[in-house]
Each structure stands twice: as structure tokens, then as C-alpha cells.
Amino acid sequence: MIRPAITAWRECSLQLIALTNEVEEAKRDEVIEQIEKVLDDRDKLQPQIAQPFSAAEQKAGQELMALEKEVQLNLTRFMNIIRTNISQSQAKKEHINSYTNPYSNMMQDGAYYDTKQ
């Protein structure tokens, strides 16, 4: 018999995989909140999953390990997409600012020093 915590962990992992596959920018804030909630739920389940494991639980654990790798890859990919979008928006902001004030980023050579005075 498999413990309810193990099956709940599996459901949370599948939920995370589904959430990280959603990449619409309009829904991103909602998706991030849901991901945080599911990760918090998984953190609460972790202490309940401890040895000794039955044979069925060991088999389920092997499946969970494969799911966990996929969850980690998806979360990393999701974070990279967010980081890329942030850096693109910052570059776009700087580009727009350079058009509104083209001389703001001019380098100063230093002050003029008159030696003949």
C-alpha cells in the first residue's frame, strides 16, 4: 500500500509540470503564484515521506525520481524564460531612453586644464 503523501507528491509534481508548460505572459503572475503554492504543499509533504518503504512505494519512488528530474528541468526553463524577458524589457527601456535623451550616456573625458594661466 502506498502512503497518501507519496501519491499527493506525485500529483503535485504533475501539477508543476503542467504549470511550467504554460508560457503566456498575460497569465504569468497567476502561474507563478500557483507554482509557489504547489511547491509549499510539496514542502509540507516531504517530512511524511520517510523510510521504511514497501515494495510498491519503492516502485512509486522510482517513478517520482523521473518526474522530479522533469520538474527541475521545467522549472529551470521557466525561470530562464522569465530572466530573458526581464533582460529584454530592460534593454528595450534603455533603448527608448537613448532616443529621448541621446546625450545622457556620453562619456566625459575629464576637465579641461589650462596650463598657461
PDB file of N, CA and C in Angstrom:
ATOM      1  N   MET A   1       0.839  -1.178   0.000  1.00  0.00           N
ATOM      2  CA  MET A   1       0.000   0.000   0.000  1.00  0.00           C
ATOM      3  C   MET A   1       0.885   1.243   0.000  1.00  0.00           C
ATOM      4  N   ILE A   2       0.543   2.171  -0.842  1.00  0.00           N
ATOM      5  CA  ILE A   2       1.315   3.406  -0.988  1.00  0.00           C
ATOM      6  C   ILE A   2       0.728   4.479  -0.073  1.00  0.00           C
ATOM      7  N   ARG A   3       1.599   5.171   0.634  1.00  0.00           N
ATOM      8  CA  ARG A   3       1.163   6.231   1.548  1.00  0.00           C
ATOM      9  C   ARG A   3       0.511   7.378   0.777  1.00  0.00           C
ATOM     10  N   PRO A   4      -0.463   8.027   1.389  1.00  0.00           N
ATOM     11  CA  PRO A   4      -1.126   9.164   0.719  1.00  0.00           C
ATOM     12  C   PRO A   4      -0.166  10.310   0.412  1.00  0.00           C
ATOM     13  N   ALA A   5       0.869  10.475   1.223  1.00  0.00           N
ATOM     14  CA  ALA A   5       1.826  11.559   0.980  1.00  0.00           C
ATOM     15  C   ALA A   5       2.574  11.343  -0.330  1.00  0.00           C
ATOM     16  N   ILE A   6       2.868  10.088  -0.649  1.00  0.00           N
ATOM     17  CA  ILE A   6       3.588   9.783  -1.889  1.00  0.00           C
ATOM     18  C   ILE A   6       2.703  10.063  -3.095  1.00  0.00           C
ATOM     19  N   THR A   7       1.444   9.671  -3.014  1.00  0.00           N
ATOM     20  CA  THR A   7       0.541   9.943  -4.141  1.00  0.00           C
ATOM     21  C   THR A   7       0.268  11.445  -4.263  1.00  0.00           C
ATOM     22  N   ALA A   8       0.193  12.149  -3.132  1.00  0.00           N
ATOM     23  CA  ALA A   8      -0.009  13.596  -3.183  1.00  0.00           C
ATOM     24  C   ALA A   8       1.222  14.278  -3.786  1.00  0.00           C
ATOM     25  N   TRP A   9       2.411  13.769  -3.468  1.00  0.00           N
ATOM     26  CA  TRP A   9       3.647  14.312  -4.055  1.00  0.00           C
ATOM     27  C   TRP A   9       3.631  14.126  -5.566  1.00  0.00           C
ATOM     28  N   ARG A  10       3.177  12.968  -6.007  1.00  0.00           N
ATOM     29  CA  ARG A  10       3.096  12.689  -7.451  1.00  0.00           C
ATOM     30  C   ARG A  10       2.132  13.661  -8.122  1.00  0.00           C
ATOM     31  N   GLU A  11       0.994  13.902  -7.493  1.00  0.00           N
ATOM     32  CA  GLU A  11       0.008  14.833  -8.056  1.00  0.00           C
ATOM     33  C   GLU A  11       0.581  16.252  -8.119  1.00  0.00           C
ATOM     34  N   CYS A  12       1.290  16.648  -7.083  1.00  0.00           N
ATOM     35  CA  CYS A  12       1.917  17.975  -7.080  1.00  0.00           C
ATOM     36  C   CYS A  12       2.966  18.082  -8.180  1.00  0.00           C
ATOM     37  N   SER A  13       3.731  17.028  -8.387  1.00  0.00           N
ATOM     38  CA  SER A  13       4.750  17.034  -9.438  1.00  0.00           C
ATOM     39  C   SER A  13       4.112  17.162 -10.810  1.00  0.00           C
ATOM     40  N   LEU A  14       3.036  16.415 -11.038  1.00  0.00           N
ATOM     41  CA  LEU A  14       2.335  16.512 -12.322  1.00  0.00           C
ATOM     42  C   LEU A  14       1.735  17.903 -12.514  1.00  0.00           C
ATOM     43  N   GLN A  15       1.259  18.488 -11.431  1.00  0.00           N
ATOM     44  CA  GLN A  15       0.702  19.842 -11.486  1.00  0.00           C
ATOM     45  C   GLN A  15       1.796  20.856 -11.849  1.00  0.00           C
ATOM     46  N   LEU A  16       2.961  20.697 -11.259  1.00  0.00           N
ATOM     47  CA  LEU A  16       4.075  21.596 -11.564  1.00  0.00           C
ATOM     48  C   LEU A  16       4.498  21.486 -13.016  1.00  0.00           C
ATOM     49  N   ILE A  17       4.529  20.276 -13.535  1.00  0.00           N
ATOM     50  CA  ILE A  17       4.897  20.080 -14.938  1.00  0.00           C
ATOM     51  C   ILE A  17       3.890  20.779 -15.843  1.00  0.00           C
ATOM     52  N   ALA A  18       2.608  20.639 -15.521  1.00  0.00           N
ATOM     53  CA  ALA A  18       1.575  21.290 -16.327  1.00  0.00           C
ATOM     54  C   ALA A  18       1.674  22.811 -16.231  1.00  0.00           C
ATOM     55  N   LEU A  19       1.933  23.330 -15.034  1.00  0.00           N
ATOM     56  CA  LEU A  19       2.020  24.781 -14.852  1.00  0.00           C
ATOM     57  C   LEU A  19       3.222  25.385 -15.564  1.00  0.00           C
ATOM     58  N   THR A  20       4.340  24.699 -15.537  1.00  0.00           N
ATOM     59  CA  THR A  20       5.547  25.250 -16.162  1.00  0.00           C
ATOM     60  C   THR A  20       5.505  25.176 -17.677  1.00  0.00           C
ATOM     61  N   ASN A  21       4.586  24.413 -18.227  1.00  0.00           N
ATOM     62  CA  ASN A  21       4.446  24.365 -19.682  1.00  0.00           C
ATOM     63  C   ASN A  21       3.646  25.547 -20.210  1.00  0.00           C
ATOM     64  N   GLU A  22       2.976  26.290 -19.316  1.00  0.00           N
ATOM     65  CA  GLU A  22       2.219  27.468 -19.721  1.00  0.00           C
ATOM     66  C   GLU A  22       3.176  28.645 -19.788  1.00  0.00           C
ATOM     67  N   VAL A  23       3.287  29.254 -20.960  1.00  0.00           N
ATOM     68  CA  VAL A  23       4.253  30.329 -21.122  1.00  0.00           C
ATOM     69  C   VAL A  23       3.614  31.650 -21.546  1.00  0.00           C
ATOM     70  N   GLU A  24       2.310  31.776 -21.432  1.00  0.00           N
ATOM     71  CA  GLU A  24       1.652  33.026 -21.799  1.00  0.00           C
ATOM     72  C   GLU A  24       2.050  34.116 -20.819  1.00  0.00           C
ATOM     73  N   GLU A  25       2.486  35.257 -21.348  1.00  0.00           N
ATOM     74  CA  GLU A  25       2.913  36.349 -20.474  1.00  0.00           C
ATOM     75  C   GLU A  25       1.748  36.960 -19.715  1.00  0.00           C
ATOM     76  N   ALA A  26       0.561  36.926 -20.281  1.00  0.00           N
ATOM     77  CA  ALA A  26      -0.602  37.519 -19.626  1.00  0.00           C
ATOM     78  C   ALA A  26      -0.965  36.770 -18.337  1.00  0.00           C
ATOM     79  N   LYS A  27      -0.744  35.466 -18.321  1.00  0.00           N
ATOM     80  CA  LYS A  27      -1.100  34.644 -17.161  1.00  0.00           C
ATOM     81  C   LYS A  27       0.091  34.355 -16.249  1.00  0.00           C
ATOM     82  N   ARG A  28       1.232  34.944 -16.538  1.00  0.00           N
ATOM     83  CA  ARG A  28       2.459  34.555 -15.840  1.00  0.00           C
ATOM     84  C   ARG A  28       2.385  34.783 -14.331  1.00  0.00           C
ATOM     85  N   ASP A  29       1.832  35.908 -13.886  1.00  0.00           N
ATOM     86  CA  ASP A  29       1.758  36.166 -12.446  1.00  0.00           C
ATOM     87  C   ASP A  29       0.903  35.126 -11.732  1.00  0.00           C
ATOM     88  N   GLU A  30      -0.221  34.762 -12.345  1.00  0.00           N
ATOM     89  CA  GLU A  30      -1.082  33.737 -11.751  1.00  0.00           C
ATOM     90  C   GLU A  30      -0.364  32.391 -11.701  1.00  0.00           C
ATOM     91  N   VAL A  31       0.355  32.069 -12.768  1.00  0.00           N
ATOM     92  CA  VAL A  31       1.073  30.794 -12.835  1.00  0.00           C
ATOM     93  C   VAL A  31       2.162  30.754 -11.769  1.00  0.00           C
ATOM     94  N   ILE A  32       2.877  31.858 -11.577  1.00  0.00           N
ATOM     95  CA  ILE A  32       3.939  31.899 -10.564  1.00  0.00           C
ATOM     96  C   ILE A  32       3.353  31.701  -9.175  1.00  0.00           C
ATOM     97  N   GLU A  33       2.213  32.327  -8.890  1.00  0.00           N
ATOM     98  CA  GLU A  33       1.555  32.143  -7.598  1.00  0.00           C
ATOM     99  C   GLU A  33       1.138  30.685  -7.393  1.00  0.00           C
ATOM    100  N   GLN A  34       0.607  30.069  -8.439  1.00  0.00           N
ATOM    101  CA  GLN A  34       0.192  28.662  -8.334  1.00  0.00           C
ATOM    102  C   GLN A  34       1.405  27.762  -8.132  1.00  0.00           C
ATOM    103  N   ILE A  35       2.496  28.049  -8.833  1.00  0.00           N
ATOM    104  CA  ILE A  35       3.719  27.250  -8.677  1.00  0.00           C
ATOM    105  C   ILE A  35       4.222  27.355  -7.243  1.00  0.00           C
ATOM    106  N   GLU A  36       4.236  28.562  -6.685  1.00  0.00           N
ATOM    107  CA  GLU A  36       4.683  28.742  -5.305  1.00  0.00           C
ATOM    108  C   GLU A  36       3.804  27.975  -4.330  1.00  0.00           C
ATOM    109  N   LYS A  37       2.493  27.978  -4.573  1.00  0.00           N
ATOM    110  CA  LYS A  37       1.565  27.257  -3.700  1.00  0.00           C
ATOM    111  C   LYS A  37       1.824  25.752  -3.750  1.00  0.00           C
ATOM    112  N   VAL A  38       2.010  25.225  -4.954  1.00  0.00           N
ATOM    113  CA  VAL A  38       2.257  23.786  -5.106  1.00  0.00           C
ATOM    114  C   VAL A  38       3.596  23.417  -4.472  1.00  0.00           C
ATOM    115  N   LEU A  39       4.608  24.252  -4.634  1.00  0.00           N
ATOM    116  CA  LEU A  39       5.901  23.965  -4.007  1.00  0.00           C
ATOM    117  C   LEU A  39       5.806  23.995  -2.483  1.00  0.00           C
ATOM    118  N   ASP A  40       5.007  24.904  -1.945  1.00  0.00           N
ATOM    119  CA  ASP A  40       4.786  24.926  -0.496  1.00  0.00           C
ATOM    120  C   ASP A  40       4.079  23.655  -0.030  1.00  0.00           C
ATOM    121  N   ASP A  41       3.098  23.205  -0.807  1.00  0.00           N
ATOM    122  CA  ASP A  41       2.395  21.963  -0.474  1.00  0.00           C
ATOM    123  C   ASP A  41       3.360  20.779  -0.474  1.00  0.00           C
ATOM    124  N   ARG A  42       4.252  20.760  -1.450  1.00  0.00           N
ATOM    125  CA  ARG A  42       5.223  19.664  -1.521  1.00  0.00           C
ATOM    126  C   ARG A  42       6.186  19.715  -0.340  1.00  0.00           C
ATOM    127  N   ASP A  43       6.566  20.913   0.079  1.00  0.00           N
ATOM    128  CA  ASP A  43       7.454  21.024   1.240  1.00  0.00           C
ATOM    129  C   ASP A  43       6.800  20.472   2.496  1.00  0.00           C
ATOM    130  N   LYS A  44       5.487  20.643   2.608  1.00  0.00           N
ATOM    131  CA  LYS A  44       4.766  20.113   3.767  1.00  0.00           C
ATOM    132  C   LYS A  44       4.662  18.590   3.703  1.00  0.00           C
ATOM    133  N   LEU A  45       4.659  18.043   2.499  1.00  0.00           N
ATOM    134  CA  LEU A  45       4.545  16.584   2.342  1.00  0.00           C
ATOM    135  C   LEU A  45       5.870  15.865   2.585  1.00  0.00           C
ATOM    136  N   GLN A  46       6.971  16.539   2.364  1.00  0.00           N
ATOM    137  CA  GLN A  46       8.277  15.886   2.413  1.00  0.00           C
ATOM    138  C   GLN A  46       8.580  15.185   3.739  1.00  0.00           C
ATOM    139  N   PRO A  47       8.282  15.772   4.905  1.00  0.00           N
ATOM    140  CA  PRO A  47       8.587  15.044   6.150  1.00  0.00           C
ATOM    141  C   PRO A  47       7.778  13.761   6.324  1.00  0.00           C
ATOM    142  N   GLN A  48       6.654  13.655   5.654  1.00  0.00           N
ATOM    143  CA  GLN A  48       5.811  12.468   5.779  1.00  0.00           C
ATOM    144  C   GLN A  48       6.327  11.303   4.944  1.00  0.00           C
ATOM    145  N   ILE A  49       7.258  11.579   4.053  1.00  0.00           N
ATOM    146  CA  ILE A  49       7.813  10.533   3.198  1.00  0.00           C
ATOM    147  C   ILE A  49       9.165  10.130   3.774  1.00  0.00           C
ATOM    148  N   ALA A  50       9.170   9.071   4.546  1.00  0.00           N
ATOM    149  CA  ALA A  50      10.401   8.596   5.173  1.00  0.00           C
ATOM    150  C   ALA A  50      10.428   7.075   5.158  1.00  0.00           C
ATOM    151  N   GLN A  51      11.605   6.510   5.361  1.00  0.00           N
ATOM    152  CA  GLN A  51      11.752   5.060   5.373  1.00  0.00           C
ATOM    153  C   GLN A  51      11.060   4.477   6.583  1.00  0.00           C
ATOM    154  N   PRO A  52      10.704   3.268   6.591  1.00  0.00           N
ATOM    155  CA  PRO A  52      10.894   2.201   5.610  1.00  0.00           C
ATOM    156  C   PRO A  52       9.829   2.265   4.511  1.00  0.00           C
ATOM    157  N   PHE A  53      10.234   1.851   3.326  1.00  0.00           N
ATOM    158  CA  PHE A  53       9.340   1.842   2.177  1.00  0.00           C
ATOM    159  C   PHE A  53       8.971   0.413   1.818  1.00  0.00           C
ATOM    160  N   SER A  54       7.720   0.230   1.410  1.00  0.00           N
ATOM    161  CA  SER A  54       7.298  -1.083   0.917  1.00  0.00           C
ATOM    162  C   SER A  54       7.757  -1.228  -0.532  1.00  0.00           C
ATOM    163  N   ALA A  55       7.565  -2.394  -1.098  1.00  0.00           N
ATOM    164  CA  ALA A  55       7.981  -2.630  -2.481  1.00  0.00           C
ATOM    165  C   ALA A  55       7.210  -1.713  -3.436  1.00  0.00           C
ATOM    166  N   ALA A  56       5.912  -1.540  -3.189  1.00  0.00           N
ATOM    167  CA  ALA A  56       5.099  -0.666  -4.042  1.00  0.00           C
ATOM    168  C   ALA A  56       5.561   0.780  -3.917  1.00  0.00           C
ATOM    169  N   GLU A  57       5.942   1.174  -2.713  1.00  0.00           N
ATOM    170  CA  GLU A  57       6.411   2.542  -2.515  1.00  0.00           C
ATOM    171  C   GLU A  57       7.762   2.771  -3.178  1.00  0.00           C
ATOM    172  N   GLN A  58       8.605   1.746  -3.178  1.00  0.00           N
ATOM    173  CA  GLN A  58       9.893   1.871  -3.851  1.00  0.00           C
ATOM    174  C   GLN A  58       9.707   2.024  -5.358  1.00  0.00           C
ATOM    175  N   LYS A  59       8.768   1.285  -5.915  1.00  0.00           N
ATOM    176  CA  LYS A  59       8.479   1.398  -7.348  1.00  0.00           C
ATOM    177  C   LYS A  59       7.922   2.794  -7.650  1.00  0.00           C
ATOM    178  N   ALA A  60       7.026   3.274  -6.799  1.00  0.00           N
ATOM    179  CA  ALA A  60       6.468   4.614  -6.973  1.00  0.00           C
ATOM    180  C   ALA A  60       7.569   5.662  -6.803  1.00  0.00           C
ATOM    181  N   GLY A  61       8.518   5.408  -5.920  1.00  0.00           N
ATOM    182  CA  GLY A  61       9.633   6.319  -5.708  1.00  0.00           C
ATOM    183  C   GLY A  61      10.511   6.458  -6.937  1.00  0.00           C
ATOM    184  N   GLN A  62      10.713   5.341  -7.651  1.00  0.00           N
ATOM    185  CA  GLN A  62      11.488   5.398  -8.891  1.00  0.00           C
ATOM    186  C   GLN A  62      10.783   6.279  -9.922  1.00  0.00           C
ATOM    187  N   GLU A  63       9.462   6.144  -9.996  1.00  0.00           N
ATOM    188  CA  GLU A  63       8.674   6.975 -10.907  1.00  0.00           C
ATOM    189  C   GLU A  63       8.764   8.445 -10.491  1.00  0.00           C
ATOM    190  N   LEU A  64       8.712   8.694  -9.175  1.00  0.00           N
ATOM    191  CA  LEU A  64       8.809  10.060  -8.674  1.00  0.00           C
ATOM    192  C   LEU A  64      10.172  10.682  -8.972  1.00  0.00           C
ATOM    193  N   MET A  65      11.213   9.876  -8.949  1.00  0.00           N
ATOM    194  CA  MET A  65      12.546  10.394  -9.267  1.00  0.00           C
ATOM    195  C   MET A  65      12.605  10.885 -10.713  1.00  0.00           C
ATOM    196  N   ALA A  66      11.995  10.121 -11.622  1.00  0.00           N
ATOM    197  CA  ALA A  66      11.954  10.542 -13.025  1.00  0.00           C
ATOM    198  C   ALA A  66      11.111  11.807 -13.179  1.00  0.00           C
ATOM    199  N   LEU A  67       9.984  11.850 -12.459  1.00  0.00           N
ATOM    200  CA  LEU A  67       9.142  13.050 -12.502  1.00  0.00           C
ATOM    201  C   LEU A  67       9.879  14.248 -11.929  1.00  0.00           C
ATOM    202  N   GLU A  68      10.645  14.022 -10.889  1.00  0.00           N
ATOM    203  CA  GLU A  68      11.374  15.119 -10.240  1.00  0.00           C
ATOM    204  C   GLU A  68      12.396  15.736 -11.189  1.00  0.00           C
ATOM    205  N   LYS A  69      13.068  14.909 -11.977  1.00  0.00           N
ATOM    206  CA  LYS A  69      14.013  15.435 -12.962  1.00  0.00           C
ATOM    207  C   LYS A  69      13.296  16.318 -13.975  1.00  0.00           C
ATOM    208  N   GLU A  70      12.131  15.873 -14.412  1.00  0.00           N
ATOM    209  CA  GLU A  70      11.354  16.652 -15.370  1.00  0.00           C
ATOM    210  C   GLU A  70      10.870  17.962 -14.741  1.00  0.00           C
ATOM    211  N   VAL A  71      10.455  17.896 -13.481  1.00  0.00           N
ATOM    212  CA  VAL A  71      10.014  19.105 -12.772  1.00  0.00           C
ATOM    213  C   VAL A  71      11.165  20.097 -12.688  1.00  0.00           C
ATOM    214  N   GLN A  72      12.345  19.621 -12.324  1.00  0.00           N
ATOM    215  CA  GLN A  72      13.514  20.503 -12.203  1.00  0.00           C
ATOM    216  C   GLN A  72      13.867  21.148 -13.541  1.00  0.00           C
ATOM    217  N   LEU A  73      13.839  20.364 -14.608  1.00  0.00           N
ATOM    218  CA  LEU A  73      14.126  20.910 -15.936  1.00  0.00           C
ATOM    219  C   LEU A  73      13.103  21.961 -16.340  1.00  0.00           C
ATOM    220  N   ASN A  74      11.832  21.679 -16.091  1.00  0.00           N
ATOM    221  CA  ASN A  74      10.775  22.619 -16.459  1.00  0.00           C
ATOM    222  C   ASN A  74      10.860  23.903 -15.639  1.00  0.00           C
ATOM    223  N   LEU A  75      11.135  23.789 -14.336  1.00  0.00           N
ATOM    224  CA  LEU A  75      11.261  24.982 -13.504  1.00  0.00           C
ATOM    225  C   LEU A  75      12.461  25.829 -13.933  1.00  0.00           C
ATOM    226  N   THR A  76      13.555  25.181 -14.266  1.00  0.00           N
ATOM    227  CA  THR A  76      14.743  25.901 -14.739  1.00  0.00           C
ATOM    228  C   THR A  76      14.451  26.608 -16.056  1.00  0.00           C
ATOM    229  N   ARG A  77      13.783  25.915 -16.967  1.00  0.00           N
ATOM    230  CA  ARG A  77      13.425  26.504 -18.259  1.00  0.00           C
ATOM    231  C   ARG A  77      12.482  27.687 -18.056  1.00  0.00           C
ATOM    232  N   PHE A  78      11.508  27.534 -17.167  1.00  0.00           N
ATOM    233  CA  PHE A  78      10.544  28.596 -16.877  1.00  0.00           C
ATOM    234  C   PHE A  78      11.254  29.829 -16.310  1.00  0.00           C
ATOM    235  N   MET A  79      12.193  29.621 -15.381  1.00  0.00           N
ATOM    236  CA  MET A  79      12.945  30.735 -14.803  1.00  0.00           C
ATOM    237  C   MET A  79      13.804  31.413 -15.864  1.00  0.00           C
ATOM    238  N   ASN A  80      14.396  30.634 -16.751  1.00  0.00           N
ATOM    239  CA  ASN A  80      15.221  31.222 -17.809  1.00  0.00           C
ATOM    240  C   ASN A  80      14.389  32.068 -18.758  1.00  0.00           C
ATOM    241  N   ILE A  81      13.176  31.627 -19.053  1.00  0.00           N
ATOM    242  CA  ILE A  81      12.285  32.418 -19.904  1.00  0.00           C
ATOM    243  C   ILE A  81      11.969  33.750 -19.229  1.00  0.00           C
ATOM    244  N   ILE A  82      11.697  33.710 -17.939  1.00  0.00           N
ATOM    245  CA  ILE A  82      11.392  34.936 -17.195  1.00  0.00           C
ATOM    246  C   ILE A  82      12.607  35.856 -17.183  1.00  0.00           C
ATOM    247  N   ARG A  83      13.790  35.305 -16.931  1.00  0.00           N
ATOM    248  CA  ARG A  83      15.015  36.117 -16.908  1.00  0.00           C
ATOM    249  C   ARG A  83      15.268  36.757 -18.276  1.00  0.00           C
ATOM    250  N   THR A  84      15.056  35.997 -19.331  1.00  0.00           N
ATOM    251  CA  THR A  84      15.251  36.526 -20.680  1.00  0.00           C
ATOM    252  C   THR A  84      14.285  37.664 -20.950  1.00  0.00           C
ATOM    253  N   ASN A  85      13.034  37.493 -20.562  1.00  0.00           N
ATOM    254  CA  ASN A  85      12.051  38.555 -20.773  1.00  0.00           C
ATOM    255  C   ASN A  85      12.392  39.809 -19.972  1.00  0.00           C
ATOM    256  N   ILE A  86      12.878  39.629 -18.756  1.00  0.00           N
ATOM    257  CA  ILE A  86      13.264  40.776 -17.942  1.00  0.00           C
ATOM    258  C   ILE A  86      14.430  41.519 -18.588  1.00  0.00           C
ATOM    259  N   SER A  87      15.442  40.784 -19.031  1.00  0.00           N
ATOM    260  CA  SER A  87      16.593  41.439 -19.646  1.00  0.00           C
ATOM    261  C   SER A  87      16.208  42.115 -20.959  1.00  0.00           C
ATOM    262  N   GLN A  88      15.293  41.509 -21.724  1.00  0.00           N
ATOM    263  CA  GLN A  88      14.823  42.135 -22.956  1.00  0.00           C
ATOM    264  C   GLN A  88      14.059  43.418 -22.665  1.00  0.00           C
ATOM    265  N   SER A  89      13.226  43.403 -21.635  1.00  0.00           N
ATOM    266  CA  SER A  89      12.467  44.614 -21.313  1.00  0.00           C
ATOM    267  C   SER A  89      13.391  45.712 -20.802  1.00  0.00           C
ATOM    268  N   GLN A  90      14.428  45.355 -20.047  1.00  0.00           N
ATOM    269  CA  GLN A  90      15.380  46.362 -19.587  1.00  0.00           C
ATOM    270  C   GLN A  90      16.159  46.945 -20.760  1.00  0.00           C
ATOM    271  N   ALA A  91      16.559  46.099 -21.702  1.00  0.00           N
ATOM    272  CA  ALA A  91      17.272  46.589 -22.879  1.00  0.00           C
ATOM    273  C   ALA A  91      16.371  47.498 -23.705  1.00  0.00           C
ATOM    274  N   LYS A  92      15.104  47.131 -23.818  1.00  0.00           N
ATOM    275  CA  LYS A  92      14.155  47.953 -24.556  1.00  0.00           C
ATOM    276  C   LYS A  92      13.968  49.305 -23.875  1.00  0.00           C
ATOM    277  N   LYS A  93      13.914  49.295 -22.548  1.00  0.00           N
ATOM    278  CA  LYS A  93      13.760  50.539 -21.778  1.00  0.00           C
ATOM    279  C   LYS A  93      14.973  51.444 -21.997  1.00  0.00           C
ATOM    280  N   GLU A  94      16.177  50.876 -21.938  1.00  0.00           N
ATOM    281  CA  GLU A  94      17.390  51.656 -22.165  1.00  0.00           C
ATOM    282  C   GLU A  94      17.425  52.200 -23.585  1.00  0.00           C
ATOM    283  N   HIS A  95      16.981  51.398 -24.534  1.00  0.00           N
ATOM    284  CA  HIS A  95      16.958  51.815 -25.934  1.00  0.00           C
ATOM    285  C   HIS A  95      15.998  52.991 -26.116  1.00  0.00           C
ATOM    286  N   ILE A  96      14.839  52.916 -25.492  1.00  0.00           N
ATOM    287  CA  ILE A  96      13.864  54.009 -25.585  1.00  0.00           C
ATOM    288  C   ILE A  96      14.413  55.258 -24.922  1.00  0.00           C
ATOM    289  N   ASN A  97      15.066  55.100 -23.776  1.00  0.00           N
ATOM    290  CA  ASN A  97      15.648  56.256 -23.084  1.00  0.00           C
ATOM    291  C   ASN A  97      16.760  56.892 -23.911  1.00  0.00           C
ATOM    292  N   SER A  98      17.498  56.102 -24.678  1.00  0.00           N
ATOM    293  CA  SER A  98      18.565  56.671 -25.501  1.00  0.00           C
ATOM    294  C   SER A  98      17.993  57.518 -26.636  1.00  0.00           C
ATOM    295  N   TYR A  99      16.761  57.235 -27.070  1.00  0.00           N
ATOM    296  CA  TYR A  99      16.122  58.068 -28.083  1.00  0.00           C
ATOM    297  C   TYR A  99      15.573  59.353 -27.481  1.00  0.00           C
ATOM    298  N   THR A 100      15.062  59.292 -26.264  1.00  0.00           N
ATOM    299  CA  THR A 100      14.502  60.502 -25.653  1.00  0.00           C
ATOM    300  C   THR A 100      15.600  61.447 -25.183  1.00  0.00           C
ATOM    301  N   ASN A 101      16.741  60.932 -24.743  1.00  0.00           N
ATOM    302  CA  ASN A 101      17.864  61.757 -24.304  1.00  0.00           C
ATOM    303  C   ASN A 101      19.142  61.133 -24.861  1.00  0.00           C
ATOM    304  N   PRO A 102      19.493  61.454 -26.118  1.00  0.00           N
ATOM    305  CA  PRO A 102      20.612  60.761 -26.761  1.00  0.00           C
ATOM    306  C   PRO A 102      21.983  61.073 -26.158  1.00  0.00           C
ATOM    307  N   TYR A 103      22.116  62.193 -25.440  1.00  0.00           N
ATOM    308  CA  TYR A 103      23.424  62.569 -24.903  1.00  0.00           C
ATOM    309  C   TYR A 103      23.595  62.206 -23.427  1.00  0.00           C
ATOM    310  N   SER A 104      22.693  61.431 -22.872  1.00  0.00           N
ATOM    311  CA  SER A 104      22.781  61.098 -21.451  1.00  0.00           C
ATOM    312  C   SER A 104      23.914  60.122 -21.144  1.00  0.00           C
ATOM    313  N   ASN A 105      24.284  59.295 -22.107  1.00  0.00           N
ATOM    314  CA  ASN A 105      25.313  58.284 -21.860  1.00  0.00           C
ATOM    315  C   ASN A 105      26.676  58.683 -22.418  1.00  0.00           C
ATOM    316  N   MET A 106      26.880  59.980 -22.653  1.00  0.00           N
ATOM    317  CA  MET A 106      28.165  60.446 -23.184  1.00  0.00           C
ATOM    318  C   MET A 106      29.233  60.291 -22.109  1.00  0.00           C
ATOM    319  N   MET A 107      30.380  59.850 -22.515  1.00  0.00           N
ATOM    320  CA  MET A 107      31.498  59.705 -21.586  1.00  0.00           C
ATOM    321  C   MET A 107      32.207  61.043 -21.460  1.00  0.00           C
ATOM    322  N   GLN A 108      32.529  61.434 -20.263  1.00  0.00           N
ATOM    323  CA  GLN A 108      33.266  62.664 -20.008  1.00  0.00           C
ATOM    324  C   GLN A 108      34.762  62.342 -20.049  1.00  0.00           C
ATOM    325  N   ASP A 109      35.518  63.102 -20.840  1.00  0.00           N
ATOM    326  CA  ASP A 109      36.960  62.879 -20.935  1.00  0.00           C
ATOM    327  C   ASP A 109      37.672  63.339 -19.674  1.00  0.00           C
ATOM    328  N   GLY A 110      37.138  64.313 -19.042  1.00  0.00           N
ATOM    329  CA  GLY A 110      37.771  64.916 -17.888  1.00  0.00           C
ATOM    330  C   GLY A 110      37.664  66.421 -18.038  1.00  0.00           C
ATOM    331  N   ALA A 111      38.100  67.104 -17.081  1.00  0.00           N
ATOM    332  CA  ALA A 111      38.014  68.558 -17.120  1.00  0.00           C
ATOM    333  C   ALA A 111      39.166  69.120 -17.950  1.00  0.00           C
ATOM    334  N   TYR A 112      38.932  70.269 -18.575  1.00  0.00           N
ATOM    335  CA  TYR A 112      39.974  70.953 -19.331  1.00  0.00           C
ATOM    336  C   TYR A 112      40.878  71.671 -18.344  1.00  0.00           C
ATOM    337  N   TYR A 113      42.158  71.460 -18.477  1.00  0.00           N
ATOM    338  CA  TYR A 113      43.125  72.073 -17.571  1.00  0.00           C
ATOM    339  C   TYR A 113      44.002  73.009 -18.379  1.00  0.00           C
ATOM    340  N   ASP A 114      43.941  74.257 -18.049  1.00  0.00           N
ATOM    341  CA  ASP A 114      44.699  75.275 -18.767  1.00  0.00           C
ATOM    342  C   ASP A 114      46.029  75.492 -18.049  1.00  0.00           C
ATOM    343  N   THR A 115      47.129  75.154 -18.704  1.00  0.00           N
ATOM    344  CA  THR A 115      48.430  75.279 -18.073  1.00  0.00           C
ATOM    345  C   THR A 115      49.032  76.678 -18.243  1.00  0.00           C
ATOM    346  N   LYS A 116      48.518  77.506 -19.118  1.00  0.00           N
ATOM    347  CA  LYS A 116      49.101  78.804 -19.384  1.00  0.00           C
ATOM    348  C   LYS A 116      48.597  79.878 -18.434  1.00  0.00           C
ATOM    349  N   GLN A 117      47.747  79.601 -17.580  1.00  0.00           N
ATOM    350  CA  GLN A 117      47.170  80.592 -16.696  1.00  0.00           C
ATOM    351  C   GLN A 117      48.021  80.952 -15.545  1.00  0.00           C
TER     352      GLN A 117
END
